[in-house]
Amino acid sequence: MFTRESLAIEVGQSLKGEDVVRVLNRIKGQRGAPKMLFCDKGSEFSGQAMDLWAYQHGVRIDFSRPGKPTDNAYVESFHGTFRQECLNAHWFMTLSEAKEIIEAWRGEYNESRPHRALGEQTPNEFASQVAASRDLTGLEGAENSL
């Protein structure tokens, strides 16, 4: 189930696999490790740091095919929205200014803006609803096993 949340947007002049691993560890601490990562073959995703992190956390990595952006339509859609509403709308003077503006946009995207694909809920509302239904399903399973 895709909540369409943006859990993180890393900003930097040159991102490496170690940067991705740092962000994944932060997300893992907040939400747990994903079961699967779907990404392109960029060096930050296909290097040893990512491979080792995925192996250590039991996460499967699936790579999109070169020249096939439709393999990851959710991310491509998000990138288009992000580019149009944030990157093209601002002229960043410093890296710290870019981080601040981008994080503000990410917060608005997740917390304030309803998404048609989520039944006019915000991504945070939808994610909370999904988490609650999983908790109830887990409780029902535990009660049935007693």
N, C-alpha and C. Protein backbone atom coordinates (compact mmCIF):
# COMPACT_ATOMS: atom_id res chain seq x y z
N MET A 1 0.85 -1.17 0.00
CA MET A 1 0.00 0.00 0.00
C MET A 1 0.89 1.23 0.00
N PHE A 2 0.66 2.13 -0.91
CA PHE A 2 1.46 3.33 -1.04
C PHE A 2 0.76 4.49 -0.36
N THR A 3 1.41 5.07 0.64
CA THR A 3 0.82 6.19 1.37
C THR A 3 1.13 7.52 0.71
N ARG A 4 2.07 7.52 -0.23
CA ARG A 4 2.51 8.72 -0.94
C ARG A 4 3.18 9.72 -0.04
N GLU A 5 3.61 9.29 1.13
CA GLU A 5 4.35 10.17 2.01
C GLU A 5 5.76 10.39 1.48
N SER A 6 6.28 11.54 1.75
CA SER A 6 7.69 11.81 1.51
C SER A 6 8.38 11.73 2.86
N LEU A 7 9.04 10.60 3.14
CA LEU A 7 9.65 10.41 4.45
C LEU A 7 10.92 11.21 4.63
N ALA A 8 11.58 11.56 3.54
CA ALA A 8 12.79 12.36 3.63
C ALA A 8 13.15 12.88 2.25
N ILE A 9 13.73 14.05 2.22
CA ILE A 9 14.35 14.59 1.01
C ILE A 9 15.73 15.06 1.44
N GLU A 10 16.73 14.40 0.96
CA GLU A 10 18.11 14.76 1.30
C GLU A 10 18.61 15.81 0.32
N VAL A 11 19.23 16.84 0.84
CA VAL A 11 19.72 17.95 0.02
C VAL A 11 21.24 18.02 0.16
N GLY A 12 21.92 18.07 -0.96
CA GLY A 12 23.37 18.19 -0.93
C GLY A 12 23.91 18.41 -2.32
N GLN A 13 25.16 18.76 -2.39
CA GLN A 13 25.78 19.01 -3.68
C GLN A 13 26.11 17.71 -4.40
N SER A 14 26.44 16.69 -3.65
CA SER A 14 26.77 15.39 -4.24
C SER A 14 26.43 14.32 -3.20
N LEU A 15 25.42 13.53 -3.48
CA LEU A 15 24.99 12.52 -2.52
C LEU A 15 25.62 11.18 -2.83
N LYS A 16 26.03 10.50 -1.79
CA LYS A 16 26.68 9.20 -1.93
C LYS A 16 25.86 8.14 -1.22
N GLY A 17 26.24 6.89 -1.41
CA GLY A 17 25.55 5.79 -0.76
C GLY A 17 25.50 5.94 0.75
N GLU A 18 26.56 6.46 1.35
CA GLU A 18 26.60 6.67 2.80
C GLU A 18 25.52 7.66 3.24
N ASP A 19 25.23 8.66 2.39
CA ASP A 19 24.17 9.62 2.70
C ASP A 19 22.81 8.94 2.69
N VAL A 20 22.61 8.08 1.71
CA VAL A 20 21.35 7.34 1.62
C VAL A 20 21.19 6.43 2.83
N VAL A 21 22.26 5.74 3.22
CA VAL A 21 22.22 4.85 4.38
C VAL A 21 21.90 5.63 5.65
N ARG A 22 22.49 6.81 5.81
CA ARG A 22 22.19 7.65 6.98
C ARG A 22 20.70 7.99 7.04
N VAL A 23 20.12 8.35 5.90
CA VAL A 23 18.70 8.68 5.86
C VAL A 23 17.86 7.43 6.12
N LEU A 24 18.24 6.31 5.53
CA LEU A 24 17.50 5.06 5.76
C LEU A 24 17.54 4.66 7.23
N ASN A 25 18.67 4.85 7.89
CA ASN A 25 18.76 4.54 9.32
C ASN A 25 17.85 5.44 10.14
N ARG A 26 17.76 6.71 9.75
CA ARG A 26 16.86 7.64 10.44
C ARG A 26 15.40 7.21 10.25
N ILE A 27 15.05 6.86 9.02
CA ILE A 27 13.68 6.42 8.75
C ILE A 27 13.39 5.10 9.46
N LYS A 28 14.36 4.19 9.45
CA LYS A 28 14.20 2.91 10.14
C LYS A 28 13.92 3.12 11.62
N GLY A 29 14.60 4.10 12.23
CA GLY A 29 14.36 4.41 13.64
C GLY A 29 12.96 4.94 13.89
N GLN A 30 12.39 5.62 12.93
CA GLN A 30 11.05 6.20 13.07
C GLN A 30 9.94 5.22 12.69
N ARG A 31 10.17 4.42 11.66
CA ARG A 31 9.12 3.60 11.07
C ARG A 31 9.44 2.12 10.95
N GLY A 32 10.69 1.76 11.17
CA GLY A 32 11.12 0.39 10.91
C GLY A 32 11.66 0.30 9.49
N ALA A 33 12.38 -0.77 9.23
CA ALA A 33 12.97 -0.97 7.91
C ALA A 33 11.91 -1.38 6.90
N PRO A 34 12.01 -0.90 5.68
CA PRO A 34 11.06 -1.36 4.66
C PRO A 34 11.37 -2.80 4.28
N LYS A 35 10.43 -3.45 3.65
CA LYS A 35 10.67 -4.81 3.15
C LYS A 35 11.41 -4.76 1.82
N MET A 36 11.17 -3.68 1.06
CA MET A 36 11.77 -3.56 -0.26
C MET A 36 12.04 -2.09 -0.58
N LEU A 37 13.12 -1.86 -1.30
CA LEU A 37 13.42 -0.54 -1.85
C LEU A 37 13.42 -0.66 -3.36
N PHE A 38 12.76 0.28 -4.01
CA PHE A 38 12.74 0.30 -5.47
C PHE A 38 13.44 1.58 -5.89
N CYS A 39 14.52 1.46 -6.63
CA CYS A 39 15.30 2.64 -6.98
C CYS A 39 15.96 2.48 -8.34
N ASP A 40 16.52 3.59 -8.81
CA ASP A 40 17.23 3.52 -10.08
C ASP A 40 18.66 3.04 -9.83
N LYS A 41 19.44 2.97 -10.89
CA LYS A 41 20.80 2.44 -10.77
C LYS A 41 21.84 3.52 -10.51
N GLY A 42 21.41 4.64 -9.93
CA GLY A 42 22.37 5.68 -9.58
C GLY A 42 23.41 5.15 -8.61
N SER A 43 24.60 5.72 -8.66
CA SER A 43 25.70 5.20 -7.83
C SER A 43 25.38 5.26 -6.35
N GLU A 44 24.55 6.22 -5.93
CA GLU A 44 24.20 6.31 -4.51
C GLU A 44 23.31 5.16 -4.06
N PHE A 45 22.63 4.50 -5.01
CA PHE A 45 21.75 3.38 -4.68
C PHE A 45 22.35 2.02 -5.00
N SER A 46 23.31 1.97 -5.89
CA SER A 46 23.81 0.68 -6.35
C SER A 46 25.21 0.34 -5.82
N GLY A 47 25.70 1.13 -4.89
CA GLY A 47 27.04 0.89 -4.35
C GLY A 47 27.04 -0.06 -3.16
N GLN A 48 28.23 -0.27 -2.63
CA GLN A 48 28.42 -1.21 -1.52
C GLN A 48 27.69 -0.79 -0.25
N ALA A 49 27.64 0.51 0.05
CA ALA A 49 27.00 0.97 1.29
C ALA A 49 25.53 0.56 1.32
N MET A 50 24.83 0.80 0.23
CA MET A 50 23.41 0.44 0.16
C MET A 50 23.23 -1.07 0.18
N ASP A 51 24.05 -1.77 -0.57
CA ASP A 51 23.95 -3.22 -0.64
C ASP A 51 24.15 -3.84 0.74
N LEU A 52 25.15 -3.38 1.47
CA LEU A 52 25.42 -3.90 2.80
C LEU A 52 24.29 -3.57 3.76
N TRP A 53 23.78 -2.32 3.71
CA TRP A 53 22.68 -1.93 4.58
C TRP A 53 21.46 -2.82 4.32
N ALA A 54 21.14 -3.00 3.06
CA ALA A 54 19.97 -3.83 2.72
C ALA A 54 20.16 -5.26 3.21
N TYR A 55 21.32 -5.81 3.01
CA TYR A 55 21.61 -7.18 3.46
C TYR A 55 21.47 -7.29 4.98
N GLN A 56 22.05 -6.35 5.71
CA GLN A 56 22.01 -6.38 7.16
C GLN A 56 20.60 -6.23 7.73
N HIS A 57 19.71 -5.58 6.98
CA HIS A 57 18.36 -5.33 7.47
C HIS A 57 17.30 -6.18 6.77
N GLY A 58 17.73 -7.12 5.97
CA GLY A 58 16.79 -8.00 5.28
C GLY A 58 15.89 -7.28 4.30
N VAL A 59 16.42 -6.27 3.65
CA VAL A 59 15.65 -5.46 2.71
C VAL A 59 16.05 -5.84 1.28
N ARG A 60 15.06 -6.09 0.48
CA ARG A 60 15.31 -6.42 -0.93
C ARG A 60 15.41 -5.11 -1.72
N ILE A 61 16.37 -5.02 -2.61
CA ILE A 61 16.50 -3.86 -3.50
C ILE A 61 16.10 -4.31 -4.90
N ASP A 62 15.19 -3.57 -5.49
CA ASP A 62 14.76 -3.84 -6.86
C ASP A 62 15.06 -2.59 -7.67
N PHE A 63 15.77 -2.76 -8.77
CA PHE A 63 16.17 -1.62 -9.59
C PHE A 63 15.27 -1.48 -10.81
N SER A 64 14.94 -0.22 -11.13
CA SER A 64 14.18 0.04 -12.35
C SER A 64 15.08 -0.19 -13.56
N ARG A 65 14.44 -0.49 -14.66
CA ARG A 65 15.18 -0.72 -15.91
C ARG A 65 15.61 0.61 -16.49
N PRO A 66 16.81 0.69 -17.04
CA PRO A 66 17.27 1.94 -17.64
C PRO A 66 16.30 2.43 -18.72
N GLY A 67 15.96 3.72 -18.65
CA GLY A 67 15.07 4.31 -19.65
C GLY A 67 13.61 3.95 -19.48
N LYS A 68 13.24 3.39 -18.33
CA LYS A 68 11.85 2.98 -18.07
C LYS A 68 11.32 3.67 -16.82
N PRO A 69 11.06 4.98 -16.88
CA PRO A 69 10.57 5.69 -15.69
C PRO A 69 9.23 5.16 -15.20
N THR A 70 8.47 4.49 -16.07
CA THR A 70 7.17 3.95 -15.64
C THR A 70 7.34 2.79 -14.68
N ASP A 71 8.55 2.23 -14.56
CA ASP A 71 8.78 1.18 -13.56
C ASP A 71 8.53 1.70 -12.15
N ASN A 72 8.70 2.98 -11.95
CA ASN A 72 8.51 3.58 -10.63
C ASN A 72 7.64 4.83 -10.77
N ALA A 73 6.42 4.63 -11.20
CA ALA A 73 5.53 5.74 -11.52
C ALA A 73 5.24 6.63 -10.32
N TYR A 74 5.15 6.07 -9.11
CA TYR A 74 4.88 6.89 -7.93
C TYR A 74 5.99 7.91 -7.72
N VAL A 75 7.23 7.46 -7.81
CA VAL A 75 8.36 8.35 -7.60
C VAL A 75 8.44 9.37 -8.73
N GLU A 76 8.22 8.95 -9.96
CA GLU A 76 8.26 9.89 -11.08
C GLU A 76 7.18 10.96 -10.93
N SER A 77 6.01 10.58 -10.47
CA SER A 77 4.93 11.54 -10.24
C SER A 77 5.33 12.52 -9.13
N PHE A 78 5.89 11.98 -8.05
CA PHE A 78 6.34 12.84 -6.95
C PHE A 78 7.43 13.80 -7.43
N HIS A 79 8.39 13.30 -8.19
CA HIS A 79 9.46 14.15 -8.70
C HIS A 79 8.90 15.30 -9.53
N GLY A 80 7.91 15.02 -10.37
CA GLY A 80 7.30 16.07 -11.18
C GLY A 80 6.64 17.13 -10.32
N THR A 81 5.90 16.70 -9.30
CA THR A 81 5.24 17.64 -8.38
C THR A 81 6.27 18.45 -7.62
N PHE A 82 7.28 17.77 -7.10
CA PHE A 82 8.34 18.42 -6.33
C PHE A 82 9.07 19.46 -7.19
N ARG A 83 9.39 19.07 -8.40
CA ARG A 83 10.10 19.98 -9.30
C ARG A 83 9.25 21.21 -9.60
N GLN A 84 7.97 20.98 -9.95
CA GLN A 84 7.09 22.08 -10.34
C GLN A 84 6.78 23.02 -9.17
N GLU A 85 6.45 22.44 -8.02
CA GLU A 85 5.96 23.25 -6.90
C GLU A 85 7.06 23.80 -6.00
N CYS A 86 8.22 23.17 -6.01
CA CYS A 86 9.27 23.61 -5.09
C CYS A 86 10.53 24.06 -5.83
N LEU A 87 11.14 23.15 -6.56
CA LEU A 87 12.43 23.48 -7.16
C LEU A 87 12.32 24.60 -8.20
N ASN A 88 11.30 24.55 -9.05
CA ASN A 88 11.15 25.58 -10.07
C ASN A 88 10.58 26.89 -9.52
N ALA A 89 10.02 26.84 -8.32
CA ALA A 89 9.39 28.02 -7.73
C ALA A 89 10.35 28.84 -6.88
N HIS A 90 11.55 28.33 -6.63
CA HIS A 90 12.49 29.02 -5.74
C HIS A 90 13.87 29.12 -6.37
N TRP A 91 14.56 30.16 -5.99
CA TRP A 91 15.95 30.34 -6.38
C TRP A 91 16.74 30.24 -5.08
N PHE A 92 17.47 29.15 -4.92
CA PHE A 92 18.18 28.90 -3.67
C PHE A 92 19.54 29.60 -3.71
N MET A 93 19.82 30.40 -2.70
CA MET A 93 21.09 31.11 -2.62
C MET A 93 22.16 30.30 -1.88
N THR A 94 21.73 29.48 -0.93
CA THR A 94 22.68 28.66 -0.17
C THR A 94 22.09 27.27 0.02
N LEU A 95 22.95 26.34 0.36
CA LEU A 95 22.51 24.97 0.64
C LEU A 95 21.58 24.94 1.85
N SER A 96 21.89 25.71 2.88
CA SER A 96 21.03 25.72 4.08
C SER A 96 19.65 26.31 3.76
N GLU A 97 19.59 27.31 2.90
CA GLU A 97 18.30 27.86 2.48
C GLU A 97 17.51 26.80 1.70
N ALA A 98 18.17 26.08 0.84
CA ALA A 98 17.51 25.02 0.08
C ALA A 98 16.94 23.97 1.02
N LYS A 99 17.73 23.55 2.00
CA LYS A 99 17.26 22.55 2.97
C LYS A 99 16.02 23.03 3.71
N GLU A 100 16.04 24.28 4.13
CA GLU A 100 14.91 24.84 4.88
C GLU A 100 13.65 24.91 4.03
N ILE A 101 13.76 25.42 2.83
CA ILE A 101 12.59 25.56 1.94
C ILE A 101 12.06 24.20 1.53
N ILE A 102 12.95 23.28 1.21
CA ILE A 102 12.53 21.94 0.77
C ILE A 102 11.86 21.20 1.91
N GLU A 103 12.38 21.31 3.12
CA GLU A 103 11.76 20.63 4.27
C GLU A 103 10.38 21.23 4.56
N ALA A 104 10.24 22.54 4.42
CA ALA A 104 8.92 23.18 4.61
C ALA A 104 7.93 22.66 3.56
N TRP A 105 8.38 22.54 2.33
CA TRP A 105 7.51 22.01 1.27
C TRP A 105 7.11 20.57 1.57
N ARG A 106 8.08 19.75 2.01
CA ARG A 106 7.80 18.35 2.33
C ARG A 106 6.77 18.24 3.46
N GLY A 107 6.90 19.10 4.45
CA GLY A 107 5.92 19.11 5.54
C GLY A 107 4.52 19.45 5.05
N GLU A 108 4.44 20.45 4.21
CA GLU A 108 3.13 20.84 3.64
C GLU A 108 2.56 19.72 2.79
N TYR A 109 3.41 19.10 2.00
CA TYR A 109 2.99 17.99 1.12
C TYR A 109 2.40 16.84 1.94
N ASN A 110 3.04 16.50 3.06
CA ASN A 110 2.59 15.37 3.88
C ASN A 110 1.44 15.70 4.81
N GLU A 111 1.41 16.92 5.35
CA GLU A 111 0.53 17.22 6.47
C GLU A 111 -0.67 18.08 6.13
N SER A 112 -0.59 18.89 5.10
CA SER A 112 -1.64 19.87 4.85
C SER A 112 -2.42 19.65 3.58
N ARG A 113 -1.85 18.96 2.65
CA ARG A 113 -2.44 18.90 1.32
C ARG A 113 -3.09 17.56 1.05
N PRO A 114 -4.41 17.54 0.89
CA PRO A 114 -5.08 16.28 0.54
C PRO A 114 -4.69 15.81 -0.86
N HIS A 115 -4.66 14.51 -1.05
CA HIS A 115 -4.31 13.91 -2.33
C HIS A 115 -5.51 13.14 -2.87
N ARG A 116 -5.84 13.40 -4.10
CA ARG A 116 -6.96 12.73 -4.75
C ARG A 116 -6.80 11.21 -4.70
N ALA A 117 -5.58 10.73 -4.93
CA ALA A 117 -5.33 9.28 -4.95
C ALA A 117 -5.51 8.64 -3.58
N LEU A 118 -5.56 9.46 -2.52
CA LEU A 118 -5.73 8.94 -1.16
C LEU A 118 -7.12 9.26 -0.62
N GLY A 119 -8.08 9.45 -1.50
CA GLY A 119 -9.43 9.76 -1.07
C GLY A 119 -9.53 11.12 -0.40
N GLU A 120 -8.76 12.08 -0.89
CA GLU A 120 -8.72 13.46 -0.37
C GLU A 120 -8.20 13.54 1.06
N GLN A 121 -7.41 12.55 1.47
CA GLN A 121 -6.71 12.62 2.75
C GLN A 121 -5.28 13.09 2.50
N THR A 122 -4.65 13.62 3.54
CA THR A 122 -3.23 13.94 3.43
C THR A 122 -2.46 12.61 3.55
N PRO A 123 -1.22 12.57 3.07
CA PRO A 123 -0.44 11.35 3.24
C PRO A 123 -0.30 10.93 4.71
N ASN A 124 -0.14 11.89 5.63
CA ASN A 124 -0.03 11.53 7.05
C ASN A 124 -1.33 10.91 7.56
N GLU A 125 -2.47 11.48 7.17
CA GLU A 125 -3.75 10.91 7.60
C GLU A 125 -3.91 9.49 7.06
N PHE A 126 -3.58 9.31 5.80
CA PHE A 126 -3.71 8.00 5.18
C PHE A 126 -2.77 6.99 5.84
N ALA A 127 -1.52 7.39 6.10
CA ALA A 127 -0.55 6.50 6.74
C ALA A 127 -1.02 6.11 8.14
N SER A 128 -1.59 7.05 8.87
CA SER A 128 -2.11 6.75 10.21
C SER A 128 -3.26 5.76 10.14
N GLN A 129 -4.12 5.93 9.15
CA GLN A 129 -5.24 5.01 8.96
C GLN A 129 -4.74 3.61 8.62
N VAL A 130 -3.75 3.51 7.75
CA VAL A 130 -3.18 2.22 7.38
C VAL A 130 -2.53 1.57 8.60
N ALA A 131 -1.76 2.35 9.37
CA ALA A 131 -1.10 1.82 10.56
C ALA A 131 -2.12 1.33 11.58
N ALA A 132 -3.21 2.09 11.76
CA ALA A 132 -4.25 1.68 12.70
C ALA A 132 -4.92 0.39 12.25
N SER A 133 -5.17 0.25 10.96
CA SER A 133 -5.81 -0.98 10.48
C SER A 133 -4.87 -2.17 10.64
N ARG A 134 -3.55 -1.94 10.45
CA ARG A 134 -2.59 -3.02 10.67
C ARG A 134 -2.54 -3.41 12.14
N ASP A 135 -2.60 -2.41 13.03
CA ASP A 135 -2.60 -2.70 14.46
C ASP A 135 -3.82 -3.52 14.84
N LEU A 136 -4.98 -3.14 14.30
CA LEU A 136 -6.21 -3.89 14.59
C LEU A 136 -6.13 -5.30 14.05
N THR A 137 -5.60 -5.46 12.85
CA THR A 137 -5.44 -6.78 12.27
C THR A 137 -4.51 -7.63 13.12
N GLY A 138 -3.42 -7.03 13.59
CA GLY A 138 -2.48 -7.74 14.45
C GLY A 138 -3.11 -8.13 15.77
N LEU A 139 -3.95 -7.23 16.34
CA LEU A 139 -4.62 -7.54 17.59
C LEU A 139 -5.63 -8.66 17.41
N GLU A 140 -6.38 -8.60 16.31
CA GLU A 140 -7.37 -9.65 16.05
C GLU A 140 -6.69 -11.00 15.90
N GLY A 141 -5.55 -11.03 15.21
CA GLY A 141 -4.81 -12.27 15.05
C GLY A 141 -4.31 -12.80 16.38
N ALA A 142 -3.86 -11.88 17.26
CA ALA A 142 -3.37 -12.29 18.58
C ALA A 142 -4.51 -12.82 19.42
N GLU A 143 -5.69 -12.17 19.35
CA GLU A 143 -6.85 -12.64 20.12
C GLU A 143 -7.30 -14.00 19.64
N ASN A 144 -7.27 -14.23 18.33
CA ASN A 144 -7.71 -15.52 17.79
C ASN A 144 -6.74 -16.64 18.15
N SER A 145 -5.50 -16.32 18.46
CA SER A 145 -4.53 -17.37 18.75
C SER A 145 -4.55 -17.77 20.21
N LEU A 146 -5.28 -17.03 21.07
CA LEU A 146 -5.34 -17.38 22.49
C LEU A 146 -6.23 -18.56 22.76
